[in-house]
PDB file of N, CA and C in Angstrom:
ATOM      1  N   MET A   1     -31.983 -99.026 -20.516  1.00  0.00           N
ATOM      2  CA  MET A   1     -31.679 -99.789 -19.356  1.00  0.00           C
ATOM      3  C   MET A   1     -32.387-101.184 -19.364  1.00  0.00           C
ATOM      4  N   LEU A   2     -33.625-101.121 -19.742  1.00  0.00           N
ATOM      5  CA  LEU A   2     -34.395-102.404 -19.756  1.00  0.00           C
ATOM      6  C   LEU A   2     -33.800-103.399 -20.754  1.00  0.00           C
ATOM      7  N   PRO A   3     -33.429-102.980 -21.967  1.00  0.00           N
ATOM      8  CA  PRO A   3     -32.846-103.966 -22.887  1.00  0.00           C
ATOM      9  C   PRO A   3     -31.565-104.654 -22.347  1.00  0.00           C
ATOM     10  N   ILE A   4     -30.742-103.849 -21.585  1.00  0.00           N
ATOM     11  CA  ILE A   4     -29.567-104.422 -20.987  1.00  0.00           C
ATOM     12  C   ILE A   4     -29.904-105.489 -19.994  1.00  0.00           C
ATOM     13  N   VAL A   5     -30.889-105.209 -19.203  1.00  0.00           N
ATOM     14  CA  VAL A   5     -31.348-106.172 -18.198  1.00  0.00           C
ATOM     15  C   VAL A   5     -31.881-107.432 -18.853  1.00  0.00           C
ATOM     16  N   LEU A   6     -32.656-107.265 -19.896  1.00  0.00           N
ATOM     17  CA  LEU A   6     -33.184-108.400 -20.594  1.00  0.00           C
ATOM     18  C   LEU A   6     -32.129-109.182 -21.330  1.00  0.00           C
ATOM     19  N   TYR A   7     -31.116-108.508 -21.938  1.00  0.00           N
ATOM     20  CA  TYR A   7     -30.024-109.259 -22.512  1.00  0.00           C
ATOM     21  C   TYR A   7     -29.269-110.102 -21.467  1.00  0.00           C
ATOM     22  N   ALA A   8     -29.071-109.467 -20.278  1.00  0.00           N
ATOM     23  CA  ALA A   8     -28.379-110.197 -19.201  1.00  0.00           C
ATOM     24  C   ALA A   8     -29.211-111.381 -18.753  1.00  0.00           C
ATOM     25  N   LEU A   9     -30.538-111.249 -18.647  1.00  0.00           N
ATOM     26  CA  LEU A   9     -31.411-112.326 -18.291  1.00  0.00           C
ATOM     27  C   LEU A   9     -31.328-113.483 -19.349  1.00  0.00           C
ATOM     28  N   GLY A  10     -31.320-113.112 -20.619  1.00  0.00           N
ATOM     29  CA  GLY A  10     -31.164-114.107 -21.691  1.00  0.00           C
ATOM     30  C   GLY A  10     -29.856-114.823 -21.599  1.00  0.00           C
ATOM     31  N   ALA A  11     -28.794-114.071 -21.308  1.00  0.00           N
ATOM     32  CA  ALA A  11     -27.464-114.672 -21.177  1.00  0.00           C
ATOM     33  C   ALA A  11     -27.428-115.622 -20.004  1.00  0.00           C
ATOM     34  N   ILE A  12     -28.038-115.182 -18.885  1.00  0.00           N
ATOM     35  CA  ILE A  12     -28.077-116.072 -17.672  1.00  0.00           C
ATOM     36  C   ILE A  12     -28.803-117.368 -18.033  1.00  0.00           C
ATOM     37  N   LEU A  13     -29.931-117.294 -18.733  1.00  0.00           N
ATOM     38  CA  LEU A  13     -30.673-118.472 -19.145  1.00  0.00           C
ATOM     39  C   LEU A  13     -29.828-119.384 -20.030  1.00  0.00           C
ATOM     40  N   LEU A  14     -29.112-118.823 -21.007  1.00  0.00           N
ATOM     41  CA  LEU A  14     -28.286-119.657 -21.841  1.00  0.00           C
ATOM     42  C   LEU A  14     -27.112-120.269 -21.130  1.00  0.00           C
ATOM     43  N   ILE A  15     -26.476-119.504 -20.222  1.00  0.00           N
ATOM     44  CA  ILE A  15     -25.426-120.027 -19.411  1.00  0.00           C
ATOM     45  C   ILE A  15     -25.931-121.144 -18.497  1.00  0.00           C
ATOM     46  N   GLY A  16     -27.106-120.922 -17.939  1.00  0.00           N
ATOM     47  CA  GLY A  16     -27.690-121.989 -17.088  1.00  0.00           C
ATOM     48  C   GLY A  16     -27.976-123.224 -17.842  1.00  0.00           C
ATOM     49  N   ALA A  17     -28.361-123.080 -19.110  1.00  0.00           N
ATOM     50  CA  ALA A  17     -28.613-124.293 -19.901  1.00  0.00           C
ATOM     51  C   ALA A  17     -27.287-124.984 -20.186  1.00  0.00           C
ATOM     52  N   GLY A  18     -26.224-124.252 -20.426  1.00  0.00           N
ATOM     53  CA  GLY A  18     -24.947-124.844 -20.679  1.00  0.00           C
ATOM     54  C   GLY A  18     -24.373-125.557 -19.424  1.00  0.00           C
ATOM     55  N   VAL A  19     -24.554-124.913 -18.277  1.00  0.00           N
ATOM     56  CA  VAL A  19     -24.078-125.498 -17.028  1.00  0.00           C
ATOM     57  C   VAL A  19     -24.861-126.761 -16.695  1.00  0.00           C
ATOM     58  N   ALA A  20     -26.185-126.700 -16.910  1.00  0.00           N
ATOM     59  CA  ALA A  20     -27.012-127.896 -16.667  1.00  0.00           C
ATOM     60  C   ALA A  20     -26.665-129.049 -17.569  1.00  0.00           C
ATOM     61  N   ALA A  21     -26.341-128.695 -18.803  1.00  0.00           N
ATOM     62  CA  ALA A  21     -26.019-129.790 -19.807  1.00  0.00           C
ATOM     63  C   ALA A  21     -24.669-130.410 -19.457  1.00  0.00           C
ATOM     64  N   VAL A  22     -23.685-129.577 -19.044  1.00  0.00           N
ATOM     65  CA  VAL A  22     -22.337-130.095 -18.783  1.00  0.00           C
ATOM     66  C   VAL A  22     -22.321-130.864 -17.471  1.00  0.00           C
ATOM     67  N   THR A  23     -22.969-130.352 -16.449  1.00  0.00           N
ATOM     68  CA  THR A  23     -22.894-131.031 -15.139  1.00  0.00           C
ATOM     69  C   THR A  23     -23.862-132.198 -15.014  1.00  0.00           C
ATOM     70  N   GLY A  24     -24.835-132.198 -15.817  1.00  0.00           N
ATOM     71  CA  GLY A  24     -25.846-133.327 -15.726  1.00  0.00           C
ATOM     72  C   GLY A  24     -26.880-133.102 -14.710  1.00  0.00           C
ATOM     73  N   MET A  25     -26.828-131.929 -14.002  1.00  0.00           N
ATOM     74  CA  MET A  25     -27.864-131.638 -13.007  1.00  0.00           C
ATOM     75  C   MET A  25     -28.985-130.827 -13.707  1.00  0.00           C
ATOM     76  N   PHE A  26     -30.178-131.157 -13.341  1.00  0.00           N
ATOM     77  CA  PHE A  26     -31.363-130.479 -13.888  1.00  0.00           C
ATOM     78  C   PHE A  26     -31.421-130.503 -15.427  1.00  0.00           C
ATOM     79  N   VAL A  27     -30.952-131.646 -15.981  1.00  0.00           N
ATOM     80  CA  VAL A  27     -30.963-131.825 -17.413  1.00  0.00           C
ATOM     81  C   VAL A  27     -32.327-131.603 -17.993  1.00  0.00           C
ATOM     82  N   MET A  28     -33.354-131.951 -17.283  1.00  0.00           N
ATOM     83  CA  MET A  28     -34.728-131.820 -17.759  1.00  0.00           C
ATOM     84  C   MET A  28     -35.110-130.374 -18.113  1.00  0.00           C
ATOM     85  N   PHE A  29     -34.354-129.392 -17.530  1.00  0.00           N
ATOM     86  CA  PHE A  29     -34.665-127.956 -17.816  1.00  0.00           C
ATOM     87  C   PHE A  29     -33.861-127.353 -18.931  1.00  0.00           C
ATOM     88  N   VAL A  30     -32.953-128.107 -19.533  1.00  0.00           N
ATOM     89  CA  VAL A  30     -32.085-127.618 -20.621  1.00  0.00           C
ATOM     90  C   VAL A  30     -32.882-127.092 -21.814  1.00  0.00           C
ATOM     91  N   PRO A  31     -33.878-127.841 -22.328  1.00  0.00           N
ATOM     92  CA  PRO A  31     -34.613-127.308 -23.482  1.00  0.00           C
ATOM     93  C   PRO A  31     -35.337-126.020 -23.150  1.00  0.00           C
ATOM     94  N   GLN A  32     -35.971-125.960 -21.980  1.00  0.00           N
ATOM     95  CA  GLN A  32     -36.717-124.725 -21.602  1.00  0.00           C
ATOM     96  C   GLN A  32     -35.793-123.576 -21.451  1.00  0.00           C
ATOM     97  N   LEU A  33     -34.626-123.752 -20.842  1.00  0.00           N
ATOM     98  CA  LEU A  33     -33.653-122.659 -20.656  1.00  0.00           C
ATOM     99  C   LEU A  33     -33.107-122.206 -22.033  1.00  0.00           C
ATOM    100  N   LEU A  34     -32.782-123.178 -22.885  1.00  0.00           N
ATOM    101  CA  LEU A  34     -32.249-122.814 -24.207  1.00  0.00           C
ATOM    102  C   LEU A  34     -33.250-122.036 -24.994  1.00  0.00           C
ATOM    103  N   ILE A  35     -34.501-122.554 -25.064  1.00  0.00           N
ATOM    104  CA  ILE A  35     -35.532-121.867 -25.863  1.00  0.00           C
ATOM    105  C   ILE A  35     -35.833-120.469 -25.309  1.00  0.00           C
ATOM    106  N   ALA A  36     -36.052-120.346 -23.989  1.00  0.00           N
ATOM    107  CA  ALA A  36     -36.306-119.096 -23.401  1.00  0.00           C
ATOM    108  C   ALA A  36     -35.192-118.080 -23.593  1.00  0.00           C
ATOM    109  N   GLY A  37     -33.958-118.482 -23.357  1.00  0.00           N
ATOM    110  CA  GLY A  37     -32.824-117.623 -23.542  1.00  0.00           C
ATOM    111  C   GLY A  37     -32.613-117.179 -25.000  1.00  0.00           C
ATOM    112  N   ALA A  38     -32.776-118.161 -25.885  1.00  0.00           N
ATOM    113  CA  ALA A  38     -32.599-117.806 -27.316  1.00  0.00           C
ATOM    114  C   ALA A  38     -33.702-116.913 -27.809  1.00  0.00           C
ATOM    115  N   LEU A  39     -34.934-117.153 -27.429  1.00  0.00           N
ATOM    116  CA  LEU A  39     -36.024-116.261 -27.837  1.00  0.00           C
ATOM    117  C   LEU A  39     -35.837-114.843 -27.309  1.00  0.00           C
ATOM    118  N   LEU A  40     -35.415-114.760 -26.099  1.00  0.00           N
ATOM    119  CA  LEU A  40     -35.155-113.435 -25.504  1.00  0.00           C
ATOM    120  C   LEU A  40     -34.076-112.660 -26.189  1.00  0.00           C
ATOM    121  N   VAL A  41     -32.918-113.321 -26.413  1.00  0.00           N
ATOM    122  CA  VAL A  41     -31.802-112.621 -27.057  1.00  0.00           C
ATOM    123  C   VAL A  41     -32.100-112.270 -28.513  1.00  0.00           C
ATOM    124  N   VAL A  42     -32.622-113.282 -29.253  1.00  0.00           N
ATOM    125  CA  VAL A  42     -32.940-113.027 -30.672  1.00  0.00           C
ATOM    126  C   VAL A  42     -34.071-111.988 -30.831  1.00  0.00           C
ATOM    127  N   GLY A  43     -35.070-112.053 -29.963  1.00  0.00           N
ATOM    128  CA  GLY A  43     -36.113-111.050 -30.022  1.00  0.00           C
ATOM    129  C   GLY A  43     -35.638-109.686 -29.765  1.00  0.00           C
ATOM    130  N   LEU A  44     -34.786-109.527 -28.830  1.00  0.00           N
ATOM    131  CA  LEU A  44     -34.226-108.187 -28.507  1.00  0.00           C
ATOM    132  C   LEU A  44     -33.330-107.681 -29.675  1.00  0.00           C
ATOM    133  N   ALA A  45     -32.603-108.577 -30.306  1.00  0.00           N
ATOM    134  CA  ALA A  45     -31.717-108.230 -31.442  1.00  0.00           C
ATOM    135  C   ALA A  45     -32.604-107.756 -32.593  1.00  0.00           C
ATOM    136  N   ILE A  46     -33.659-108.454 -32.868  1.00  0.00           N
ATOM    137  CA  ILE A  46     -34.516-108.105 -33.992  1.00  0.00           C
ATOM    138  C   ILE A  46     -35.214-106.745 -33.672  1.00  0.00           C
ATOM    139  N   GLU A  47     -35.640-106.564 -32.426  1.00  0.00           N
ATOM    140  CA  GLU A  47     -36.322-105.281 -32.041  1.00  0.00           C
ATOM    141  C   GLU A  47     -35.344-104.143 -32.240  1.00  0.00           C
ATOM    142  N   ARG A  48     -34.098-104.337 -31.835  1.00  0.00           N
ATOM    143  CA  ARG A  48     -33.116-103.250 -31.932  1.00  0.00           C
ATOM    144  C   ARG A  48     -32.803-102.922 -33.366  1.00  0.00           C
ATOM    145  N   TRP A  49     -32.757-103.991 -34.232  1.00  0.00           N
ATOM    146  CA  TRP A  49     -32.499-103.766 -35.649  1.00  0.00           C
ATOM    147  C   TRP A  49     -33.736-103.155 -36.409  1.00  0.00           C
ATOM    148  N   ARG A  50     -34.911-103.584 -36.004  1.00  0.00           N
ATOM    149  CA  ARG A  50     -36.110-103.171 -36.757  1.00  0.00           C
ATOM    150  C   ARG A  50     -36.569-101.801 -36.364  1.00  0.00           C
ATOM    151  N   TYR A  51     -36.614-101.456 -35.073  1.00  0.00           N
ATOM    152  CA  TYR A  51     -37.181-100.204 -34.613  1.00  0.00           C
ATOM    153  C   TYR A  51     -36.054 -99.245 -34.254  1.00  0.00           C
ATOM    154  N   LYS A  52     -35.865 -98.265 -35.130  1.00  0.00           N
ATOM    155  CA  LYS A  52     -34.782 -97.315 -34.909  1.00  0.00           C
ATOM    156  C   LYS A  52     -35.269 -96.123 -34.101  1.00  0.00           C
ATOM    157  N   PRO A  53     -34.403 -95.544 -33.300  1.00  0.00           N
ATOM    158  CA  PRO A  53     -34.798 -94.365 -32.514  1.00  0.00           C
ATOM    159  C   PRO A  53     -35.005 -93.114 -33.368  1.00  0.00           C
ATOM    160  N   LEU A  54     -35.667 -92.172 -32.812  1.00  0.00           N
ATOM    161  CA  LEU A  54     -35.908 -90.929 -33.538  1.00  0.00           C
ATOM    162  C   LEU A  54     -34.559 -90.150 -33.620  1.00  0.00           C
ATOM    163  N   ILE A  55     -34.347 -89.488 -34.746  1.00  0.00           N
ATOM    164  CA  ILE A  55     -33.172 -88.646 -34.899  1.00  0.00           C
ATOM    165  C   ILE A  55     -33.522 -87.230 -34.430  1.00  0.00           C
ATOM    166  N   GLU A  56     -32.698 -86.705 -33.553  1.00  0.00           N
ATOM    167  CA  GLU A  56     -32.930 -85.402 -32.925  1.00  0.00           C
ATOM    168  C   GLU A  56     -32.493 -84.285 -33.861  1.00  0.00           C
ATOM    169  N   THR A  57     -31.384 -84.432 -34.639  1.00  0.00           N
ATOM    170  CA  THR A  57     -30.907 -83.381 -35.486  1.00  0.00           C
ATOM    171  C   THR A  57     -31.678 -83.339 -36.776  1.00  0.00           C
ATOM    172  N   GLY A  58     -31.383 -82.290 -37.553  1.00  0.00           N
ATOM    173  CA  GLY A  58     -32.103 -82.127 -38.825  1.00  0.00           C
ATOM    174  C   GLY A  58     -31.736 -83.207 -39.813  1.00  0.00           C
ATOM    175  N   PRO A  59     -32.489 -83.346 -40.868  1.00  0.00           N
ATOM    176  CA  PRO A  59     -32.258 -84.438 -41.861  1.00  0.00           C
ATOM    177  C   PRO A  59     -31.040 -84.135 -42.698  1.00  0.00           C
ATOM    178  N   ASP A  60     -30.485 -85.165 -43.247  1.00  0.00           N
ATOM    179  CA  ASP A  60     -29.406 -85.072 -44.210  1.00  0.00           C
ATOM    180  C   ASP A  60     -29.868 -84.411 -45.479  1.00  0.00           C
ATOM    181  N   ALA A  61     -28.992 -83.655 -46.109  1.00  0.00           N
ATOM    182  CA  ALA A  61     -29.426 -82.922 -47.339  1.00  0.00           C
ATOM    183  C   ALA A  61     -29.875 -83.849 -48.505  1.00  0.00           C
ATOM    184  N   ALA A  62     -29.373 -85.064 -48.538  1.00  0.00           N
ATOM    185  CA  ALA A  62     -29.775 -85.992 -49.567  1.00  0.00           C
ATOM    186  C   ALA A  62     -31.097 -86.681 -49.356  1.00  0.00           C
ATOM    187  N   TRP A  63     -31.655 -86.555 -48.187  1.00  0.00           N
ATOM    188  CA  TRP A  63     -32.919 -87.223 -47.919  1.00  0.00           C
ATOM    189  C   TRP A  63     -34.070 -86.415 -48.434  1.00  0.00           C
ATOM    190  N   THR A  64     -35.144 -87.131 -48.888  1.00  0.00           N
ATOM    191  CA  THR A  64     -36.289 -86.468 -49.461  1.00  0.00           C
ATOM    192  C   THR A  64     -37.451 -86.509 -48.390  1.00  0.00           C
ATOM    193  N   ASP A  65     -38.090 -85.404 -48.183  1.00  0.00           N
ATOM    194  CA  ASP A  65     -39.233 -85.371 -47.272  1.00  0.00           C
ATOM    195  C   ASP A  65     -40.397 -86.060 -47.890  1.00  0.00           C
ATOM    196  N   THR A  66     -40.983 -87.045 -47.253  1.00  0.00           N
ATOM    197  CA  THR A  66     -42.158 -87.774 -47.774  1.00  0.00           C
ATOM    198  C   THR A  66     -43.467 -87.024 -47.517  1.00  0.00           C
ATOM    199  N   GLY A  67     -43.419 -86.048 -46.604  1.00  0.00           N
ATOM    200  CA  GLY A  67     -44.617 -85.344 -46.240  1.00  0.00           C
ATOM    201  C   GLY A  67     -45.393 -86.031 -45.148  1.00  0.00           C
ATOM    202  N   GLU A  68     -44.993 -87.231 -44.757  1.00  0.00           N
ATOM    203  CA  GLU A  68     -45.618 -87.938 -43.684  1.00  0.00           C
ATOM    204  C   GLU A  68     -45.288 -87.357 -42.365  1.00  0.00           C
ATOM    205  N   ARG A  69     -46.297 -87.171 -41.491  1.00  0.00           N
ATOM    206  CA  ARG A  69     -46.048 -86.680 -40.151  1.00  0.00           C
ATOM    207  C   ARG A  69     -46.999 -87.530 -39.223  1.00  0.00           C
ATOM    208  N   PHE A  70     -46.472 -87.882 -38.079  1.00  0.00           N
ATOM    209  CA  PHE A  70     -47.273 -88.602 -37.040  1.00  0.00           C
ATOM    210  C   PHE A  70     -46.661 -88.330 -35.699  1.00  0.00           C
ATOM    211  N   VAL A  71     -47.485 -88.636 -34.699  1.00  0.00           N
ATOM    212  CA  VAL A  71     -47.047 -88.467 -33.337  1.00  0.00           C
ATOM    213  C   VAL A  71     -46.535 -89.876 -32.897  1.00  0.00           C
ATOM    214  N   ASP A  72     -45.241 -89.928 -32.553  1.00  0.00           N
ATOM    215  CA  ASP A  72     -44.636 -91.156 -32.136  1.00  0.00           C
ATOM    216  C   ASP A  72     -45.284 -91.645 -30.823  1.00  0.00           C
ATOM    217  N   PRO A  73     -45.878 -92.842 -30.805  1.00  0.00           N
ATOM    218  CA  PRO A  73     -46.570 -93.259 -29.569  1.00  0.00           C
ATOM    219  C   PRO A  73     -45.678 -93.450 -28.357  1.00  0.00           C
ATOM    220  N   SER A  74     -44.389 -93.771 -28.590  1.00  0.00           N
ATOM    221  CA  SER A  74     -43.559 -94.027 -27.392  1.00  0.00           C
ATOM    222  C   SER A  74     -43.015 -92.746 -26.768  1.00  0.00           C
ATOM    223  N   SER A  75     -42.854 -91.687 -27.573  1.00  0.00           N
ATOM    224  CA  SER A  75     -42.324 -90.449 -27.038  1.00  0.00           C
ATOM    225  C   SER A  75     -43.286 -89.260 -27.081  1.00  0.00           C
ATOM    226  N   ALA A  76     -44.450 -89.441 -27.780  1.00  0.00           N
ATOM    227  CA  ALA A  76     -45.496 -88.387 -27.921  1.00  0.00           C
ATOM    228  C   ALA A  76     -44.860 -87.189 -28.649  1.00  0.00           C
ATOM    229  N   ARG A  77     -43.946 -87.387 -29.564  1.00  0.00           N
ATOM    230  CA  ARG A  77     -43.342 -86.262 -30.266  1.00  0.00           C
ATOM    231  C   ARG A  77     -43.739 -86.304 -31.716  1.00  0.00           C
ATOM    232  N   LEU A  78     -43.927 -85.199 -32.351  1.00  0.00           N
ATOM    233  CA  LEU A  78     -44.258 -85.116 -33.764  1.00  0.00           C
ATOM    234  C   LEU A  78     -43.007 -85.576 -34.559  1.00  0.00           C
ATOM    235  N   THR A  79     -43.249 -86.483 -35.521  1.00  0.00           N
ATOM    236  CA  THR A  79     -42.144 -87.137 -36.225  1.00  0.00           C
ATOM    237  C   THR A  79     -42.431 -86.923 -37.693  1.00  0.00           C
ATOM    238  N   ALA A  80     -41.320 -86.527 -38.416  1.00  0.00           N
ATOM    239  CA  ALA A  80     -41.337 -86.416 -39.886  1.00  0.00           C
ATOM    240  C   ALA A  80     -40.591 -87.615 -40.494  1.00  0.00           C
ATOM    241  N   VAL A  81     -41.082 -88.079 -41.646  1.00  0.00           N
ATOM    242  CA  VAL A  81     -40.491 -89.248 -42.287  1.00  0.00           C
ATOM    243  C   VAL A  81     -39.702 -88.742 -43.520  1.00  0.00           C
ATOM    244  N   TYR A  82     -38.490 -89.167 -43.671  1.00  0.00           N
ATOM    245  CA  TYR A  82     -37.640 -88.865 -44.776  1.00  0.00           C
ATOM    246  C   TYR A  82     -37.168 -90.143 -45.439  1.00  0.00           C
ATOM    247  N   PHE A  83     -36.981 -90.045 -46.789  1.00  0.00           N
ATOM    248  CA  PHE A  83     -36.562 -91.191 -47.555  1.00  0.00           C
ATOM    249  C   PHE A  83     -35.162 -90.924 -48.115  1.00  0.00           C
ATOM    250  N   ASP A  84     -34.274 -91.897 -48.001  1.00  0.00           N
ATOM    251  CA  ASP A  84     -32.909 -91.796 -48.519  1.00  0.00           C
ATOM    252  C   ASP A  84     -32.851 -92.562 -49.824  1.00  0.00           C
ATOM    253  N   PRO A  85     -32.834 -91.835 -50.969  1.00  0.00           N
ATOM    254  CA  PRO A  85     -32.828 -92.540 -52.237  1.00  0.00           C
ATOM    255  C   PRO A  85     -31.572 -93.328 -52.539  1.00  0.00           C
ATOM    256  N   ARG A  86     -30.505 -93.039 -51.843  1.00  0.00           N
ATOM    257  CA  ARG A  86     -29.202 -93.758 -52.045  1.00  0.00           C
ATOM    258  C   ARG A  86     -29.338 -95.205 -51.664  1.00  0.00           C
ATOM    259  N   ASP A  87     -29.972 -95.489 -50.525  1.00  0.00           N
ATOM    260  CA  ASP A  87     -30.050 -96.925 -50.049  1.00  0.00           C
ATOM    261  C   ASP A  87     -31.471 -97.366 -49.805  1.00  0.00           C
ATOM    262  N   GLY A  88     -32.427 -96.508 -50.061  1.00  0.00           N
ATOM    263  CA  GLY A  88     -33.840 -96.874 -49.903  1.00  0.00           C
ATOM    264  C   GLY A  88     -34.392 -96.971 -48.475  1.00  0.00           C
ATOM    265  N   THR A  89     -33.661 -96.420 -47.501  1.00  0.00           N
ATOM    266  CA  THR A  89     -34.114 -96.485 -46.133  1.00  0.00           C
ATOM    267  C   THR A  89     -34.983 -95.261 -45.785  1.00  0.00           C
ATOM    268  N   ARG A  90     -35.802 -95.437 -44.755  1.00  0.00           N
ATOM    269  CA  ARG A  90     -36.593 -94.352 -44.196  1.00  0.00           C
ATOM    270  C   ARG A  90     -36.017 -93.967 -42.893  1.00  0.00           C
ATOM    271  N   HIS A  91     -36.060 -92.611 -42.677  1.00  0.00           N
ATOM    272  CA  HIS A  91     -35.491 -92.048 -41.428  1.00  0.00           C
ATOM    273  C   HIS A  91     -36.611 -91.266 -40.739  1.00  0.00           C
ATOM    274  N   TYR A  92     -36.642 -91.395 -39.425  1.00  0.00           N
ATOM    275  CA  TYR A  92     -37.670 -90.765 -38.589  1.00  0.00           C
ATOM    276  C   TYR A  92     -36.992 -89.618 -37.814  1.00  0.00           C
ATOM    277  N   VAL A  93     -37.358 -88.345 -38.095  1.00  0.00           N
ATOM    278  CA  VAL A  93     -36.748 -87.242 -37.511  1.00  0.00           C
ATOM    279  C   VAL A  93     -37.747 -86.481 -36.704  1.00  0.00           C
ATOM    280  N   VAL A  94     -37.359 -86.005 -35.535  1.00  0.00           N
ATOM    281  CA  VAL A  94     -38.282 -85.150 -34.657  1.00  0.00           C
ATOM    282  C   VAL A  94     -38.542 -83.921 -35.467  1.00  0.00           C
ATOM    283  N   ALA A  95     -39.824 -83.642 -35.690  1.00  0.00           N
ATOM    284  CA  ALA A  95     -40.245 -82.433 -36.451  1.00  0.00           C
ATOM    285  C   ALA A  95     -40.568 -81.296 -35.463  1.00  0.00           C
ATOM    286  N   PRO A  96     -40.232 -80.102 -35.845  1.00  0.00           N
ATOM    287  CA  PRO A  96     -40.563 -78.982 -34.992  1.00  0.00           C
ATOM    288  C   PRO A  96     -42.092 -78.724 -35.042  1.00  0.00           C
ATOM    289  N   ARG A  97     -42.658 -78.392 -33.857  1.00  0.00           N
ATOM    290  CA  ARG A  97     -44.112 -78.086 -33.852  1.00  0.00           C
ATOM    291  C   ARG A  97     -44.327 -76.726 -34.456  1.00  0.00           C
ATOM    292  N   ARG A  98     -45.415 -76.598 -35.160  1.00  0.00           N
ATOM    293  CA  ARG A  98     -45.752 -75.319 -35.771  1.00  0.00           C
ATOM    294  C   ARG A  98     -46.889 -74.620 -34.985  1.00  0.00           C
TER     295      ARG A  98
END
């Protein structure tokens, strides 16, 4: 929910910059609106691309267990790390507690 609100805020800032530039009103705020809106939208896009959510289901058969286990700080759940040799990505799967 929060990312949607922040994307909307970034869009409002960018639209405000466009309106200010076209109408000529509050032109002095155009750079601030553009920079703030762009940073917000780009930052959220990078965060969404970089930090993937935990996978609730079991791992794919092709993935290799790395043996790494840690408690995810955002969800406080035990997480297992798997490696996909086909494309070199790492996957974070909720591990059952023992």
